[in-house]
Amino acid sequence: MGVITQAVMVQAAIDINGMDHAQKVRLADEIAAQRPNLLASILVLPRMGLTSKNWRCRCTSCW
């Protein structure tokens, strides 16, 4: 399994922030088709009490 570097994460964040809603929906559809468990894992996080703000903080604190 590969490692996601900080540079790759930063570029992904830049790319996502530059997308409109329709582009984000298409990306989510592509992820769901190729990696359904990954998308499901992300979508369930709020039900487990983890907000997107907390998730971002936890991710950035790992760097």
Protein backbone atom coordinates (compact mmCIF):
# COMPACT_ATOMS: atom_id res chain seq x y z
CA MET A 1 0.00 0.00 0.00
CA GLY A 2 1.34 3.43 -0.96
CA VAL A 3 1.90 6.43 1.25
CA ILE A 4 0.12 9.73 0.67
CA THR A 5 2.66 12.51 1.08
CA GLN A 6 1.90 15.96 2.44
CA ALA A 7 2.51 17.46 -1.00
CA VAL A 8 -0.08 15.16 -2.56
CA MET A 9 -2.63 16.03 0.15
CA VAL A 10 -2.04 19.76 -0.34
CA GLN A 11 -2.49 19.47 -4.09
CA ALA A 12 -5.66 17.41 -3.61
CA ALA A 13 -7.08 20.09 -1.28
CA ILE A 14 -6.28 22.80 -3.83
CA ASP A 15 -7.89 20.77 -6.61
CA ILE A 16 -11.05 20.04 -4.58
CA ASN A 17 -11.44 23.65 -3.49
CA GLY A 18 -11.33 24.68 -7.14
CA MET A 19 -14.21 22.37 -8.12
CA ASP A 20 -17.83 23.39 -8.45
CA HIS A 21 -20.64 21.29 -6.99
CA ALA A 22 -21.22 19.23 -10.15
CA GLN A 23 -17.53 18.34 -10.38
CA LYS A 24 -17.51 17.24 -6.73
CA VAL A 25 -20.56 15.04 -7.34
CA ARG A 26 -18.87 13.41 -10.33
CA LEU A 27 -15.75 12.79 -8.25
CA ALA A 28 -17.81 11.24 -5.44
CA ASP A 29 -19.52 8.99 -8.02
CA GLU A 30 -16.13 7.92 -9.37
CA ILE A 31 -14.83 7.15 -5.88
CA ALA A 32 -18.00 5.21 -5.08
CA ALA A 33 -17.57 3.13 -8.22
CA GLN A 34 -13.89 2.39 -7.68
CA ARG A 35 -13.57 2.35 -3.87
CA PRO A 36 -17.05 2.03 -2.30
CA ASN A 37 -15.69 1.14 1.14
CA LEU A 38 -13.52 4.27 1.21
CA LEU A 39 -16.45 6.55 0.43
CA ALA A 40 -18.66 4.76 2.96
CA SER A 41 -15.99 5.14 5.63
CA ILE A 42 -15.78 8.88 5.05
CA LEU A 43 -19.55 9.35 4.99
CA VAL A 44 -20.06 7.54 8.30
CA LEU A 45 -17.60 9.74 10.24
CA PRO A 46 -20.22 12.36 11.26
CA ARG A 47 -22.44 9.60 12.65
CA MET A 48 -19.51 8.57 14.83
CA GLY A 49 -19.27 12.11 16.20
CA LEU A 50 -16.33 13.28 14.11
CA THR A 51 -17.02 16.60 12.41
CA SER A 52 -15.20 17.72 9.28
CA LYS A 53 -13.46 20.38 11.37
CA ASN A 54 -12.16 17.78 13.83
CA TRP A 55 -11.17 15.47 11.00
CA ARG A 56 -9.14 18.20 9.31
CA CYS A 57 -7.42 19.07 12.59
CA ARG A 58 -6.51 15.45 13.22
CA CYS A 59 -5.13 15.07 9.71
CA THR A 60 -3.01 18.20 9.84
CA SER A 61 -1.66 17.34 13.29
CA CYS A 62 -0.19 14.15 11.83
CA TRP A 63 2.16 16.20 9.66
